[in-house]
């Protein structure tokens, strides 16, 4: 029979599916008992109703059964105590009582510092903006996030469109965030972790909030959620240039702005206002994405249903690249409605390839070091 220490070592590679940390390091392994070739392991869950309990059970049993001398494994479950949860939350996400100064504009003490605003943060924050609604901004945000994840990147998305939240539905997420002592663990789908007002308000509920309430909710999305230092944080902004966009610019001064428009010149002129707002708050617009660019008929001919040239004209006007032209396809719309985005289900299809190319350009050509080196070369 293996020793208790050997069993613990065998369990060390087993990760909690939500926290992506070793169950041993998280303090979830509470008891190990042996009798002949039988092993009993007690696991403390972070929440009694853990939706991934069966997955943890399978991982633990598989790891223990791989040891020589182990014939059967019984996994029992308990829950962490409030004190254990508080210690776990602090080890993962810091102390929520720590203050980061006073926010003068709103006259209230802020909570924990926003990690993505720290110059040492390795996370690239992508603000996906549009001047008006109806241009498919949320669909672009969702498929871009998945395309970045397809490149092996750690990706999270914040659905900051608090009035028109739609990202959970587009990602096919039905599971609620897990709460660990006031820290939210975001659910994940297609390799993308997500937080949204949609988890806290029903589809048929109206969110009627003034600026300060929105400001505080968005702050909590950034500080009270266990994001775990992703490579990318994609933020789906509401259309226009209102309170949410202004709050995000204050919270995330290092963010990159990507403007979504359609080919229509009228839409392009409205989208230009989103770019102008970014300039006013000292955020860099890094690129333009044109959505619903064209439709390819059964005859193979390309039809510019919403006109043409709007995306390129906007990009030229604000001196940034046009990153891609997403075709108008039924698959894109159906994927968004059904929780099966094309970037996940059909990455090699017409639209999937466009999103993959946009993600590659952002990940490689528009990486901060690459932009910096280009600047040096120009000198």
Protein backbone atom coordinates (compact mmCIF):
# COMPACT_ATOMS: atom_id res chain seq x y z
CA UNK A 1 0.00 0.00 0.00
CA UNK A 2 1.23 3.52 -0.74
CA UNK A 3 1.81 5.82 2.20
CA UNK A 4 -0.43 8.79 2.93
CA UNK A 5 2.34 11.08 1.65
CA UNK A 6 2.47 9.14 -1.62
CA UNK A 7 -1.30 9.44 -2.04
CA UNK A 8 -1.11 13.19 -1.45
CA UNK A 9 1.66 13.46 -4.04
CA UNK A 10 -0.54 11.57 -6.51
CA UNK A 11 -3.38 14.03 -5.84
CA UNK A 12 -1.20 17.12 -6.22
CA UNK A 13 -1.61 17.33 -10.03
CA UNK A 14 -5.41 17.18 -9.65
CA UNK A 15 -6.81 20.68 -10.14
CA UNK A 16 -10.07 22.21 -9.03
CA UNK A 17 -11.93 22.68 -12.38
CA UNK A 18 -12.93 26.26 -11.56
CA UNK A 19 -9.89 27.62 -9.73
CA UNK A 20 -7.30 25.76 -11.84
CA UNK A 21 -5.16 25.11 -8.76
CA UNK A 22 -4.05 21.87 -7.12
CA UNK A 23 -6.65 20.54 -4.68
CA UNK A 24 -3.77 19.82 -2.33
CA UNK A 25 -2.45 23.39 -2.47
CA UNK A 26 -6.00 24.72 -2.02
CA UNK A 27 -6.39 22.71 1.20
CA UNK A 28 -9.28 20.65 -0.19
CA UNK A 29 -7.82 17.25 0.81
CA UNK A 30 -8.97 16.85 4.42
CA UNK A 31 -8.55 13.18 5.25
CA UNK A 32 -7.05 9.99 3.85
CA UNK A 33 -7.86 6.54 5.30
CA UNK A 34 -6.59 3.15 4.14
CA UNK A 35 -7.76 -0.41 4.72
CA UNK A 36 -6.05 -3.09 2.69
CA UNK A 37 -6.29 -2.03 -0.96
CA UNK A 38 -9.14 0.39 -0.25
CA UNK A 39 -8.56 4.13 0.07
CA UNK A 40 -11.05 6.69 1.38
CA UNK A 41 -10.41 10.37 0.60
CA UNK A 42 -12.32 13.28 2.11
CA UNK A 43 -12.51 16.38 -0.09
CA UNK A 44 -13.74 19.76 1.18
CA UNK A 45 -15.62 21.66 -1.55
CA UNK A 46 -15.63 25.44 -1.74
CA UNK A 47 -19.41 25.37 -1.94
CA UNK A 48 -21.87 22.62 -0.91
CA UNK A 49 -23.67 22.67 -4.24
CA UNK A 50 -20.52 22.65 -6.36
CA UNK A 51 -21.72 21.99 -9.94
CA UNK A 52 -18.42 20.28 -10.81
CA UNK A 53 -18.48 17.84 -7.89
CA UNK A 54 -18.69 14.83 -10.20
CA UNK A 55 -15.70 16.04 -12.19
CA UNK A 56 -13.64 16.41 -9.01
CA UNK A 57 -14.74 12.93 -7.92
CA UNK A 58 -13.57 11.46 -11.23
CA UNK A 59 -10.22 13.25 -11.16
CA UNK A 60 -9.47 12.20 -7.57
CA UNK A 61 -10.44 8.55 -8.13
CA UNK A 62 -8.40 8.34 -11.34
CA UNK A 63 -5.29 9.79 -9.69
CA UNK A 64 -5.49 7.51 -6.65
CA UNK A 65 -6.28 4.33 -8.59
CA UNK A 66 -3.12 4.84 -10.64
CA UNK A 67 -1.04 4.00 -7.54
CA UNK A 68 0.25 0.45 -7.10
CA UNK A 69 -1.57 -1.38 -4.33
CA UNK A 70 -4.79 0.66 -4.58
CA UNK A 71 -7.77 -1.49 -5.60
CA UNK A 72 -10.70 0.81 -4.80
CA UNK A 73 -11.18 4.49 -4.01
CA UNK A 74 -14.09 6.09 -2.17
CA UNK A 75 -14.36 9.86 -2.35
CA UNK A 76 -16.48 11.61 0.29
CA UNK A 77 -17.29 15.28 0.33
CA UNK A 78 -17.67 17.98 2.92
CA UNK A 79 -17.57 21.80 2.71
CA UNK A 80 -14.94 24.29 3.75
CA UNK A 81 -15.63 26.27 6.92
CA UNK A 82 -16.20 30.05 6.70
CA UNK A 83 -12.71 30.57 8.15
CA UNK A 84 -11.16 28.29 5.52
CA UNK A 85 -13.06 30.07 2.74
CA UNK A 86 -11.89 33.48 3.98
CA UNK A 87 -8.27 32.29 4.03
CA UNK A 88 -8.65 30.77 0.55
CA UNK A 89 -10.17 33.94 -0.88
CA UNK A 90 -7.38 36.07 0.55
CA UNK A 91 -4.69 33.77 -0.82
CA UNK A 92 -6.23 33.86 -4.29
CA UNK A 93 -7.52 37.41 -4.61
CA UNK A 94 -6.17 39.54 -1.77
CA UNK A 95 -8.00 41.28 1.03
CA UNK A 96 -11.23 43.02 -0.10
CA UNK A 97 -10.98 45.36 2.90
CA UNK A 98 -7.71 46.82 1.62
CA UNK A 99 -8.27 50.28 0.18
CA UNK A 100 -6.65 51.82 -2.84
CA UNK A 101 -7.30 55.45 -2.00
CA UNK A 102 -10.33 57.65 -2.44
CA UNK A 103 -12.12 58.17 -5.71
CA UNK A 104 -12.63 61.91 -5.75
CA UNK A 105 -15.13 62.03 -8.57
CA UNK A 106 -17.61 59.86 -6.70
CA UNK A 107 -16.65 60.67 -3.15
CA UNK A 108 -16.34 57.14 -1.87
CA UNK A 109 -13.51 54.91 -0.74
CA UNK A 110 -12.63 52.36 -3.37
CA UNK A 111 -12.09 48.72 -2.52
CA UNK A 112 -9.16 46.59 -3.54
CA UNK A 113 -6.91 48.02 -6.24
CA UNK A 114 -7.84 47.06 -9.80
CA UNK A 115 -5.13 44.59 -10.82
CA UNK A 116 -5.38 45.34 -14.56
CA UNK A 117 -4.52 49.01 -13.98
CA UNK A 118 -1.17 48.10 -12.44
CA UNK A 119 1.72 48.78 -14.86
CA UNK A 120 3.17 45.38 -13.93
CA UNK A 121 0.03 43.52 -15.04
CA UNK A 122 0.66 41.23 -18.01
CA UNK A 123 -3.02 41.27 -19.03
CA UNK A 124 -3.91 43.12 -22.21
CA UNK A 125 -7.32 44.77 -21.83
CA UNK A 126 -9.34 45.09 -25.03
CA UNK A 127 -12.31 47.48 -24.92
CA UNK A 128 -14.74 46.60 -27.71
CA UNK A 129 -16.72 49.76 -28.49
CA UNK A 130 -19.27 51.00 -30.98
CA UNK A 131 -20.94 54.31 -31.60
CA UNK A 132 -24.41 52.77 -31.95
CA UNK A 133 -26.28 49.57 -31.26
CA UNK A 134 -27.15 46.96 -33.85
CA UNK A 135 -23.68 46.57 -35.34
CA UNK A 136 -23.02 43.15 -33.77
CA UNK A 137 -20.49 44.37 -31.22
CA UNK A 138 -21.28 41.64 -28.67
CA UNK A 139 -21.04 38.93 -31.31
CA UNK A 140 -17.65 40.31 -32.34
CA UNK A 141 -16.52 40.43 -28.68
CA UNK A 142 -17.56 36.82 -28.09
CA UNK A 143 -15.97 35.39 -31.23
CA UNK A 144 -12.81 37.45 -30.77
CA UNK A 145 -12.42 36.17 -27.19
CA UNK A 146 -12.85 32.56 -28.34
CA UNK A 147 -10.42 33.07 -31.23
CA UNK A 148 -7.80 34.35 -28.79
CA UNK A 149 -8.44 31.30 -26.58
CA UNK A 150 -8.04 29.09 -29.66
CA UNK A 151 -4.51 30.51 -29.93
CA UNK A 152 -3.71 29.03 -26.52
CA UNK A 153 -4.22 32.28 -24.61
CA UNK A 154 -5.87 32.63 -21.22
CA UNK A 155 -8.94 34.78 -21.90
CA UNK A 156 -11.68 36.41 -19.83
CA UNK A 157 -14.58 38.59 -20.89
CA UNK A 158 -16.60 41.20 -19.00
CA UNK A 159 -20.09 41.89 -20.30
CA UNK A 160 -20.13 45.59 -19.42
CA UNK A 161 -23.30 46.24 -21.41
CA UNK A 162 -25.33 46.24 -18.20
CA UNK A 163 -28.58 47.14 -19.95
CA UNK A 164 -28.25 44.85 -22.97
CA UNK A 165 -26.25 41.95 -21.49
CA UNK A 166 -25.97 39.01 -23.88
CA UNK A 167 -22.51 37.43 -23.54
CA UNK A 168 -23.54 34.48 -21.26
CA UNK A 169 -26.21 33.45 -23.76
CA UNK A 170 -23.78 33.78 -26.67
CA UNK A 171 -21.24 31.60 -24.84
CA UNK A 172 -23.91 29.07 -23.91
CA UNK A 173 -23.28 29.59 -20.18
CA UNK A 174 -26.11 28.62 -17.84
CA UNK A 175 -24.04 28.05 -14.70
CA UNK A 176 -23.91 30.85 -12.12
CA UNK A 177 -20.59 32.17 -10.75
CA UNK A 178 -19.33 30.34 -7.67
CA UNK A 179 -19.07 32.52 -4.56
CA UNK A 180 -16.12 32.00 -2.20
CA UNK A 181 -16.39 34.38 0.74
CA UNK A 182 -17.54 37.34 -1.41
CA UNK A 183 -15.14 36.45 -4.26
CA UNK A 184 -16.82 35.43 -7.52
CA UNK A 185 -15.34 32.60 -9.59
CA UNK A 186 -16.53 33.17 -13.17
CA UNK A 187 -17.97 30.27 -15.18
CA UNK A 188 -16.08 29.22 -18.29
CA UNK A 189 -17.09 28.18 -21.79
CA UNK A 190 -14.95 27.51 -24.87
CA UNK A 191 -11.89 28.50 -22.85
CA UNK A 192 -13.31 31.93 -21.95
CA UNK A 193 -14.21 32.97 -18.38
CA UNK A 194 -17.15 35.37 -18.17
CA UNK A 195 -18.87 37.76 -15.79
CA UNK A 196 -22.03 39.65 -16.69
CA UNK A 197 -24.98 41.50 -15.22
CA UNK A 198 -26.94 38.66 -16.81
CA UNK A 199 -25.94 36.44 -13.87
CA UNK A 200 -27.62 38.82 -11.43
CA UNK A 201 -30.67 40.02 -13.39
CA UNK A 202 -33.16 37.98 -15.36
CA UNK A 203 -33.54 38.25 -19.12
CA UNK A 204 -36.89 39.96 -18.59
CA UNK A 205 -35.63 42.41 -15.95
CA UNK A 206 -34.70 46.02 -16.63
CA UNK A 207 -31.52 47.33 -15.01
CA UNK A 208 -32.34 50.92 -14.05
CA UNK A 209 -29.20 52.35 -12.49
CA UNK A 210 -27.64 55.77 -12.27
CA UNK A 211 -23.96 56.49 -12.88
CA UNK A 212 -22.57 55.86 -9.37
CA UNK A 213 -24.31 52.46 -9.12
CA UNK A 214 -22.96 51.43 -12.50
CA UNK A 215 -19.50 52.64 -11.51
CA UNK A 216 -19.49 50.51 -8.36
CA UNK A 217 -20.84 47.40 -10.11
CA UNK A 218 -18.19 47.60 -12.81
CA UNK A 219 -15.50 48.14 -10.18
CA UNK A 220 -16.63 44.93 -8.46
CA UNK A 221 -16.52 43.06 -11.78
CA UNK A 222 -12.83 43.96 -11.97
CA UNK A 223 -11.82 43.49 -8.32
CA UNK A 224 -14.13 40.94 -6.68
CA UNK A 225 -13.85 38.33 -9.44
CA UNK A 226 -11.08 35.72 -9.48
CA UNK A 227 -9.71 36.40 -12.98
CA UNK A 228 -6.35 34.70 -12.31
CA UNK A 229 -4.18 37.04 -14.43
CA UNK A 230 -5.45 36.22 -17.93
CA UNK A 231 -3.48 37.06 -21.06
CA UNK A 232 -6.49 38.99 -22.36
CA UNK A 233 -9.47 40.67 -20.72
CA UNK A 234 -12.06 41.48 -23.39
CA UNK A 235 -14.65 44.04 -22.30
CA UNK A 236 -17.88 44.35 -24.26
CA UNK A 237 -18.91 47.98 -23.76
CA UNK A 238 -22.46 49.26 -24.26
CA UNK A 239 -22.95 51.31 -27.42
CA UNK A 240 -22.30 55.02 -27.25
CA UNK A 241 -20.16 57.12 -24.96
CA UNK A 242 -21.99 57.09 -21.63
CA UNK A 243 -21.22 56.39 -17.99
CA UNK A 244 -19.97 52.82 -18.45
CA UNK A 245 -17.39 53.77 -21.06
CA UNK A 246 -16.17 56.66 -18.92
CA UNK A 247 -15.90 54.47 -15.82
CA UNK A 248 -13.93 51.83 -17.70
CA UNK A 249 -11.54 54.46 -19.01
CA UNK A 250 -10.88 55.56 -15.42
CA UNK A 251 -10.46 52.00 -14.15
CA UNK A 252 -8.29 50.80 -17.04
CA UNK A 253 -5.99 53.56 -18.29
CA UNK A 254 -3.81 51.03 -20.17
CA UNK A 255 -6.66 49.53 -22.21
CA UNK A 256 -6.72 49.26 -25.99
CA UNK A 257 -9.90 50.33 -27.80
CA UNK A 258 -11.25 48.47 -30.83
CA UNK A 259 -14.18 50.08 -32.63
CA UNK A 260 -16.82 47.94 -34.34
CA UNK A 261 -18.78 49.41 -37.23
CA UNK A 262 -20.74 48.28 -40.28
CA UNK A 263 -19.94 49.30 -43.87
CA UNK A 264 -22.64 51.97 -43.87
CA UNK A 265 -21.20 55.46 -43.98
CA UNK A 266 -23.88 56.60 -41.52
CA UNK A 267 -22.79 53.92 -39.02
CA UNK A 268 -19.15 54.82 -39.60
CA UNK A 269 -19.81 58.47 -38.74
CA UNK A 270 -21.50 57.44 -35.48
CA UNK A 271 -18.68 54.99 -34.68
CA UNK A 272 -16.24 57.86 -35.08
CA UNK A 273 -17.68 59.36 -31.89
CA UNK A 274 -16.59 56.29 -29.90
CA UNK A 275 -13.08 56.82 -31.23
CA UNK A 276 -13.25 60.50 -30.35
CA UNK A 277 -14.31 59.67 -26.79
CA UNK A 278 -11.34 57.32 -26.41
CA UNK A 279 -9.05 60.12 -27.49
CA UNK A 280 -10.64 62.49 -24.96
CA UNK A 281 -9.93 60.11 -22.08
CA UNK A 282 -6.40 59.29 -23.31
CA UNK A 283 -7.10 55.74 -24.45
CA UNK A 284 -5.49 54.51 -27.66
CA UNK A 285 -7.74 53.25 -30.44
CA UNK A 286 -5.79 50.30 -31.82
CA UNK A 287 -8.00 49.18 -34.68
CA UNK A 288 -11.37 49.01 -36.46
CA UNK A 289 -13.41 45.85 -37.08
CA UNK A 290 -16.06 45.98 -39.79
CA UNK A 291 -19.01 43.64 -39.18
CA UNK A 292 -21.77 42.55 -41.59
CA UNK A 293 -19.41 43.53 -44.39
CA UNK A 294 -20.81 41.45 -47.23
CA UNK A 295 -22.99 38.49 -48.08
CA UNK A 296 -21.91 35.71 -50.44
CA UNK A 297 -24.89 34.29 -52.33
CA UNK A 298 -25.40 30.75 -53.52
CA UNK A 299 -24.22 32.00 -56.91
CA UNK A 300 -20.83 32.79 -55.38
CA UNK A 301 -21.31 36.50 -55.94
CA UNK A 302 -20.56 38.97 -53.15
CA UNK A 303 -23.31 41.42 -52.22
CA UNK A 304 -22.66 44.57 -50.20
CA UNK A 305 -26.03 44.65 -48.48
CA UNK A 306 -25.10 47.46 -46.07
CA UNK A 307 -22.95 49.35 -48.55
CA UNK A 308 -19.18 49.36 -48.53
CA UNK A 309 -16.19 51.35 -47.41
CA UNK A 310 -17.35 52.49 -43.98
CA UNK A 311 -14.81 50.49 -41.99
CA UNK A 312 -11.84 51.47 -44.14
CA UNK A 313 -12.88 55.12 -44.18
CA UNK A 314 -13.13 55.18 -40.38
CA UNK A 315 -9.76 53.43 -40.03
CA UNK A 316 -8.14 55.92 -42.40
CA UNK A 317 -9.74 58.86 -40.63
CA UNK A 318 -8.41 57.90 -37.18
CA UNK A 319 -5.15 56.47 -38.56
CA UNK A 320 -5.48 52.86 -37.34
CA UNK A 321 -5.63 49.58 -39.25
CA UNK A 322 -8.84 47.93 -40.44
CA UNK A 323 -8.34 44.54 -38.76
CA UNK A 324 -10.92 42.55 -40.66
CA UNK A 325 -14.26 42.43 -42.44
CA UNK A 326 -16.67 39.92 -40.93
CA UNK A 327 -19.16 38.54 -43.47
CA UNK A 328 -22.91 38.62 -42.94
CA UNK A 329 -23.75 34.97 -42.38
CA UNK A 330 -26.72 33.14 -40.90
CA UNK A 331 -24.26 30.93 -39.02
CA UNK A 332 -22.92 33.93 -37.08
CA UNK A 333 -26.39 34.98 -35.99
CA UNK A 334 -27.56 31.46 -35.20
CA UNK A 335 -24.37 30.71 -33.26
CA UNK A 336 -24.87 33.78 -31.10
CA UNK A 337 -28.49 32.88 -30.41
CA UNK A 338 -27.81 29.23 -29.59
CA UNK A 339 -24.63 29.61 -27.54
CA UNK A 340 -22.50 28.02 -30.27
CA UNK A 341 -20.34 30.83 -31.70
CA UNK A 342 -18.74 30.20 -35.08
CA UNK A 343 -15.23 30.76 -33.69
CA UNK A 344 -15.77 27.68 -31.49
CA UNK A 345 -17.99 25.49 -33.67
CA UNK A 346 -16.64 26.30 -37.15
CA UNK A 347 -13.26 28.04 -36.80
CA UNK A 348 -12.29 27.04 -40.36
CA UNK A 349 -15.45 28.46 -41.89
CA UNK A 350 -15.65 31.79 -43.69
CA UNK A 351 -16.43 33.89 -40.61
CA UNK A 352 -14.29 31.74 -38.28
CA UNK A 353 -11.21 32.39 -40.42
CA UNK A 354 -11.84 36.15 -40.31
CA UNK A 355 -12.10 36.17 -36.51
CA UNK A 356 -8.96 34.00 -36.27
CA UNK A 357 -7.07 36.46 -38.47
CA UNK A 358 -8.23 39.44 -36.37
CA UNK A 359 -7.14 37.63 -33.20
CA UNK A 360 -3.73 36.86 -34.74
CA UNK A 361 -3.22 40.49 -35.72
CA UNK A 362 -4.09 41.71 -32.22
CA UNK A 363 -1.98 39.00 -30.56
CA UNK A 364 1.13 39.44 -32.73
CA UNK A 365 1.19 42.61 -34.85
CA UNK A 366 -0.48 44.87 -32.30
CA UNK A 367 1.32 43.49 -29.24
CA UNK A 368 2.73 46.40 -27.19
CA UNK A 369 6.34 45.24 -27.68
CA UNK A 370 5.82 44.97 -31.43
CA UNK A 371 4.36 48.49 -31.62
CA UNK A 372 7.26 49.79 -29.55
CA UNK A 373 9.85 48.10 -31.76
CA UNK A 374 8.22 49.47 -34.87
CA UNK A 375 8.51 52.91 -33.38
CA UNK A 376 12.22 52.39 -32.78
CA UNK A 377 12.66 51.20 -36.36
CA UNK A 378 11.03 54.35 -37.67
CA UNK A 379 13.59 56.40 -35.78
